[in-house]
Amino acid sequence: MKKMILALGVVVLGGGSLPALSADVAAGKTKADQLCKSCHGPEGKAAIPLYPHLAGQNTMYLEKQLKDFRSGTRKDPAMQGFAKMLTNDDIANLSAYYSSLK
């Protein structure tokens, strides 16, 4: 029981980012540099107001949005095209990278 409470505390204090524990932030940065920074800016801070800042965003939120773009649940032609190129590991890594930024 104590282990379960401790694990729950880690998730709550970590901002609900348990999936990021196994993600590779460096790989996320590499993928972001390849696919994301032209719109979302270097370090996840977009220069164009049309595109959202991703720096500091919640990991689980980012993962859900990318998976929703990939599946077509969330509609945006550009994002759907990029998201379809991503594996689950890519999504976890990107989410961990952007959530690590401030």
N, C-alpha and C. Protein backbone atom coordinates (compact mmCIF):
# COMPACT_ATOMS: atom_id res chain seq x y z
N MET A 1 0.83 -1.20 0.00
CA MET A 1 0.00 0.00 0.00
C MET A 1 0.87 1.26 0.00
N LYS A 2 1.95 1.22 0.78
CA LYS A 2 2.84 2.39 0.83
C LYS A 2 3.47 2.67 -0.53
N LYS A 3 3.80 1.61 -1.26
CA LYS A 3 4.40 1.79 -2.59
C LYS A 3 3.41 2.44 -3.55
N MET A 4 2.13 2.04 -3.44
CA MET A 4 1.11 2.62 -4.31
C MET A 4 0.94 4.11 -4.00
N ILE A 5 0.92 4.45 -2.74
CA ILE A 5 0.78 5.86 -2.35
C ILE A 5 1.99 6.66 -2.82
N LEU A 6 3.17 6.08 -2.67
CA LEU A 6 4.38 6.75 -3.14
C LEU A 6 4.34 6.97 -4.65
N ALA A 7 3.93 5.96 -5.39
CA ALA A 7 3.84 6.07 -6.85
C ALA A 7 2.83 7.14 -7.25
N LEU A 8 1.70 7.17 -6.57
CA LEU A 8 0.69 8.18 -6.86
C LEU A 8 1.24 9.58 -6.57
N GLY A 9 1.98 9.70 -5.48
CA GLY A 9 2.59 10.99 -5.14
C GLY A 9 3.56 11.45 -6.21
N VAL A 10 4.33 10.52 -6.75
CA VAL A 10 5.28 10.85 -7.82
C VAL A 10 4.54 11.37 -9.04
N VAL A 11 3.43 10.73 -9.40
CA VAL A 11 2.65 11.16 -10.56
C VAL A 11 2.05 12.53 -10.32
N VAL A 12 1.47 12.74 -9.14
CA VAL A 12 0.83 14.01 -8.84
C VAL A 12 1.86 15.14 -8.78
N LEU A 13 2.95 14.92 -8.07
CA LEU A 13 3.97 15.96 -7.95
C LEU A 13 4.72 16.19 -9.26
N GLY A 14 4.76 15.16 -10.09
CA GLY A 14 5.42 15.29 -11.39
C GLY A 14 4.52 15.87 -12.45
N GLY A 15 3.38 16.36 -12.06
CA GLY A 15 2.47 16.97 -13.03
C GLY A 15 1.78 15.95 -13.92
N GLY A 16 1.66 14.72 -13.43
CA GLY A 16 0.99 13.69 -14.21
C GLY A 16 1.81 13.23 -15.39
N SER A 17 3.12 13.29 -15.27
CA SER A 17 3.96 12.98 -16.42
C SER A 17 4.66 11.63 -16.30
N LEU A 18 4.01 10.65 -15.74
CA LEU A 18 4.60 9.33 -15.58
C LEU A 18 5.07 8.73 -16.89
N PRO A 19 4.35 8.86 -18.01
CA PRO A 19 4.85 8.29 -19.26
C PRO A 19 6.21 8.84 -19.68
N ALA A 20 6.53 10.05 -19.27
CA ALA A 20 7.80 10.66 -19.66
C ALA A 20 9.00 10.01 -18.98
N LEU A 21 8.76 9.23 -17.92
CA LEU A 21 9.87 8.61 -17.22
C LEU A 21 10.66 7.68 -18.12
N SER A 22 10.02 7.07 -19.09
CA SER A 22 10.72 6.14 -19.97
C SER A 22 11.05 6.78 -21.33
N ALA A 23 10.70 8.03 -21.49
CA ALA A 23 10.93 8.71 -22.77
C ALA A 23 12.37 9.22 -22.85
N ASP A 24 12.82 9.45 -24.06
CA ASP A 24 14.17 9.93 -24.34
C ASP A 24 14.10 11.39 -24.78
N VAL A 25 14.41 12.29 -23.87
CA VAL A 25 14.31 13.72 -24.13
C VAL A 25 15.24 14.14 -25.28
N ALA A 26 16.44 13.58 -25.32
CA ALA A 26 17.40 13.93 -26.39
C ALA A 26 16.86 13.52 -27.76
N ALA A 27 16.24 12.34 -27.82
CA ALA A 27 15.63 11.89 -29.08
C ALA A 27 14.46 12.80 -29.44
N GLY A 28 13.73 13.26 -28.43
CA GLY A 28 12.63 14.19 -28.67
C GLY A 28 13.12 15.50 -29.25
N LYS A 29 14.24 16.00 -28.75
CA LYS A 29 14.82 17.24 -29.28
C LYS A 29 15.24 17.05 -30.74
N THR A 30 15.86 15.92 -31.03
CA THR A 30 16.28 15.64 -32.41
C THR A 30 15.08 15.63 -33.35
N LYS A 31 14.01 14.95 -32.93
CA LYS A 31 12.80 14.88 -33.76
C LYS A 31 12.16 16.26 -33.88
N ALA A 32 12.14 17.02 -32.80
CA ALA A 32 11.58 18.38 -32.83
C ALA A 32 12.35 19.27 -33.79
N ASP A 33 13.67 19.13 -33.78
CA ASP A 33 14.49 19.92 -34.70
C ASP A 33 14.20 19.56 -36.16
N GLN A 34 13.86 18.30 -36.40
CA GLN A 34 13.58 17.84 -37.76
C GLN A 34 12.19 18.24 -38.24
N LEU A 35 11.19 18.13 -37.35
CA LEU A 35 9.80 18.27 -37.79
C LEU A 35 9.04 19.47 -37.24
N CYS A 36 9.40 19.95 -36.08
CA CYS A 36 8.49 20.86 -35.37
C CYS A 36 8.94 22.32 -35.29
N LYS A 37 10.25 22.54 -35.25
CA LYS A 37 10.71 23.89 -34.91
C LYS A 37 10.40 24.95 -35.96
N SER A 38 10.17 24.56 -37.21
CA SER A 38 9.86 25.58 -38.21
C SER A 38 8.54 26.29 -37.91
N CYS A 39 7.62 25.62 -37.27
CA CYS A 39 6.34 26.25 -36.89
C CYS A 39 6.29 26.60 -35.40
N HIS A 40 6.72 25.67 -34.56
CA HIS A 40 6.60 25.85 -33.11
C HIS A 40 7.82 26.51 -32.49
N GLY A 41 8.81 26.85 -33.32
CA GLY A 41 9.96 27.61 -32.88
C GLY A 41 11.02 26.79 -32.18
N PRO A 42 12.23 27.34 -32.16
CA PRO A 42 13.28 26.68 -31.40
C PRO A 42 12.93 26.74 -29.92
N GLU A 43 13.21 25.70 -29.21
CA GLU A 43 12.89 25.62 -27.78
C GLU A 43 11.39 25.68 -27.52
N GLY A 44 10.57 25.37 -28.53
CA GLY A 44 9.12 25.28 -28.34
C GLY A 44 8.39 26.58 -28.16
N LYS A 45 9.02 27.69 -28.56
CA LYS A 45 8.39 29.01 -28.42
C LYS A 45 8.19 29.59 -29.81
N ALA A 46 6.97 29.47 -30.31
CA ALA A 46 6.64 29.89 -31.67
C ALA A 46 6.74 31.41 -31.81
N ALA A 47 7.28 31.85 -32.94
CA ALA A 47 7.38 33.28 -33.22
C ALA A 47 6.10 33.81 -33.87
N ILE A 48 5.32 32.91 -34.45
CA ILE A 48 4.09 33.28 -35.14
C ILE A 48 2.91 32.94 -34.23
N PRO A 49 2.05 33.92 -33.91
CA PRO A 49 0.94 33.69 -32.99
C PRO A 49 -0.02 32.56 -33.40
N LEU A 50 -0.06 32.25 -34.67
CA LEU A 50 -0.95 31.19 -35.16
C LEU A 50 -0.57 29.82 -34.58
N TYR A 51 0.71 29.64 -34.26
CA TYR A 51 1.19 28.35 -33.77
C TYR A 51 1.40 28.40 -32.26
N PRO A 52 0.94 27.38 -31.55
CA PRO A 52 1.06 27.41 -30.08
C PRO A 52 2.48 27.15 -29.61
N HIS A 53 2.79 27.74 -28.45
CA HIS A 53 4.03 27.41 -27.75
C HIS A 53 3.87 26.01 -27.18
N LEU A 54 4.89 25.20 -27.27
CA LEU A 54 4.86 23.85 -26.72
C LEU A 54 5.73 23.72 -25.48
N ALA A 55 6.64 24.65 -25.27
CA ALA A 55 7.55 24.60 -24.13
C ALA A 55 6.77 24.60 -22.82
N GLY A 56 7.10 23.64 -21.96
CA GLY A 56 6.49 23.58 -20.64
C GLY A 56 5.09 22.98 -20.61
N GLN A 57 4.58 22.56 -21.74
CA GLN A 57 3.24 21.97 -21.81
C GLN A 57 3.25 20.61 -21.11
N ASN A 58 2.12 20.21 -20.58
CA ASN A 58 1.98 18.93 -19.89
C ASN A 58 2.23 17.76 -20.84
N THR A 59 3.03 16.82 -20.38
CA THR A 59 3.40 15.66 -21.20
C THR A 59 2.20 14.88 -21.69
N MET A 60 1.30 14.56 -20.78
CA MET A 60 0.14 13.74 -21.16
C MET A 60 -0.75 14.48 -22.15
N TYR A 61 -0.88 15.79 -21.99
CA TYR A 61 -1.66 16.59 -22.92
C TYR A 61 -1.05 16.53 -24.32
N LEU A 62 0.27 16.74 -24.40
CA LEU A 62 0.95 16.70 -25.70
C LEU A 62 0.80 15.34 -26.36
N GLU A 63 0.98 14.28 -25.58
CA GLU A 63 0.83 12.93 -26.15
C GLU A 63 -0.56 12.73 -26.71
N LYS A 64 -1.57 13.13 -25.95
CA LYS A 64 -2.95 12.95 -26.42
C LYS A 64 -3.21 13.73 -27.69
N GLN A 65 -2.75 14.98 -27.74
CA GLN A 65 -3.00 15.79 -28.93
C GLN A 65 -2.32 15.19 -30.16
N LEU A 66 -1.08 14.76 -30.02
CA LEU A 66 -0.38 14.16 -31.16
C LEU A 66 -1.04 12.87 -31.62
N LYS A 67 -1.48 12.06 -30.67
CA LYS A 67 -2.17 10.82 -31.04
C LYS A 67 -3.52 11.11 -31.69
N ASP A 68 -4.20 12.16 -31.20
CA ASP A 68 -5.48 12.55 -31.82
C ASP A 68 -5.27 13.09 -33.23
N PHE A 69 -4.22 13.86 -33.45
CA PHE A 69 -3.90 14.31 -34.82
C PHE A 69 -3.60 13.11 -35.70
N ARG A 70 -2.82 12.18 -35.19
CA ARG A 70 -2.41 11.01 -35.98
C ARG A 70 -3.62 10.15 -36.36
N SER A 71 -4.56 9.99 -35.45
CA SER A 71 -5.73 9.15 -35.72
C SER A 71 -6.80 9.88 -36.53
N GLY A 72 -6.70 11.21 -36.60
CA GLY A 72 -7.72 11.99 -37.30
C GLY A 72 -8.83 12.47 -36.39
N THR A 73 -8.76 12.13 -35.10
CA THR A 73 -9.76 12.60 -34.14
C THR A 73 -9.72 14.12 -34.03
N ARG A 74 -8.53 14.67 -34.03
CA ARG A 74 -8.35 16.12 -34.05
C ARG A 74 -7.93 16.51 -35.46
N LYS A 75 -8.60 17.50 -36.00
CA LYS A 75 -8.42 17.87 -37.41
C LYS A 75 -7.50 19.08 -37.59
N ASP A 76 -6.50 18.90 -38.38
CA ASP A 76 -5.64 19.96 -38.88
C ASP A 76 -4.75 19.30 -39.93
N PRO A 77 -4.93 19.66 -41.19
CA PRO A 77 -4.21 18.95 -42.25
C PRO A 77 -2.69 18.91 -42.06
N ALA A 78 -2.09 20.02 -41.67
CA ALA A 78 -0.63 20.03 -41.49
C ALA A 78 -0.22 19.13 -40.34
N MET A 79 -0.88 19.28 -39.20
CA MET A 79 -0.51 18.47 -38.03
C MET A 79 -0.81 16.99 -38.25
N GLN A 80 -1.89 16.70 -38.94
CA GLN A 80 -2.20 15.29 -39.23
C GLN A 80 -1.09 14.67 -40.07
N GLY A 81 -0.60 15.40 -41.05
CA GLY A 81 0.47 14.89 -41.89
C GLY A 81 1.74 14.61 -41.11
N PHE A 82 2.11 15.54 -40.23
CA PHE A 82 3.31 15.33 -39.42
C PHE A 82 3.10 14.20 -38.42
N ALA A 83 1.95 14.20 -37.76
CA ALA A 83 1.69 13.20 -36.71
C ALA A 83 1.66 11.78 -37.27
N LYS A 84 1.21 11.63 -38.51
CA LYS A 84 1.17 10.29 -39.11
C LYS A 84 2.56 9.71 -39.31
N MET A 85 3.58 10.56 -39.32
CA MET A 85 4.96 10.09 -39.46
C MET A 85 5.56 9.64 -38.13
N LEU A 86 4.85 9.88 -37.03
CA LEU A 86 5.40 9.62 -35.70
C LEU A 86 5.00 8.25 -35.16
N THR A 87 5.96 7.59 -34.54
CA THR A 87 5.68 6.35 -33.81
C THR A 87 5.24 6.73 -32.40
N ASN A 88 4.76 5.75 -31.65
CA ASN A 88 4.41 6.01 -30.25
C ASN A 88 5.64 6.48 -29.47
N ASP A 89 6.80 5.90 -29.75
CA ASP A 89 8.03 6.34 -29.08
C ASP A 89 8.37 7.78 -29.45
N ASP A 90 8.21 8.15 -30.72
CA ASP A 90 8.45 9.53 -31.13
C ASP A 90 7.55 10.49 -30.35
N ILE A 91 6.29 10.12 -30.23
CA ILE A 91 5.33 10.97 -29.52
C ILE A 91 5.73 11.11 -28.06
N ALA A 92 6.10 10.02 -27.42
CA ALA A 92 6.53 10.07 -26.02
C ALA A 92 7.78 10.94 -25.87
N ASN A 93 8.72 10.78 -26.79
CA ASN A 93 9.97 11.54 -26.73
C ASN A 93 9.74 13.03 -26.97
N LEU A 94 8.94 13.36 -27.97
CA LEU A 94 8.62 14.77 -28.24
C LEU A 94 7.90 15.40 -27.05
N SER A 95 6.95 14.68 -26.50
CA SER A 95 6.19 15.20 -25.36
C SER A 95 7.10 15.43 -24.17
N ALA A 96 8.00 14.49 -23.91
CA ALA A 96 8.95 14.64 -22.80
C ALA A 96 9.87 15.83 -23.04
N TYR A 97 10.33 15.98 -24.27
CA TYR A 97 11.22 17.10 -24.60
C TYR A 97 10.52 18.43 -24.37
N TYR A 98 9.35 18.61 -24.97
CA TYR A 98 8.68 19.90 -24.84
C TYR A 98 8.25 20.19 -23.40
N SER A 99 7.84 19.18 -22.67
CA SER A 99 7.45 19.42 -21.28
C SER A 99 8.65 19.75 -20.40
N SER A 100 9.85 19.38 -20.83
CA SER A 100 11.06 19.67 -20.04
C SER A 100 11.52 21.11 -20.21
N LEU A 101 11.01 21.80 -21.21
CA LEU A 101 11.42 23.18 -21.49
C LEU A 101 10.61 24.17 -20.66
N LYS A 102 11.19 25.31 -20.42
CA LYS A 102 10.48 26.36 -19.67
C LYS A 102 10.37 27.61 -20.50
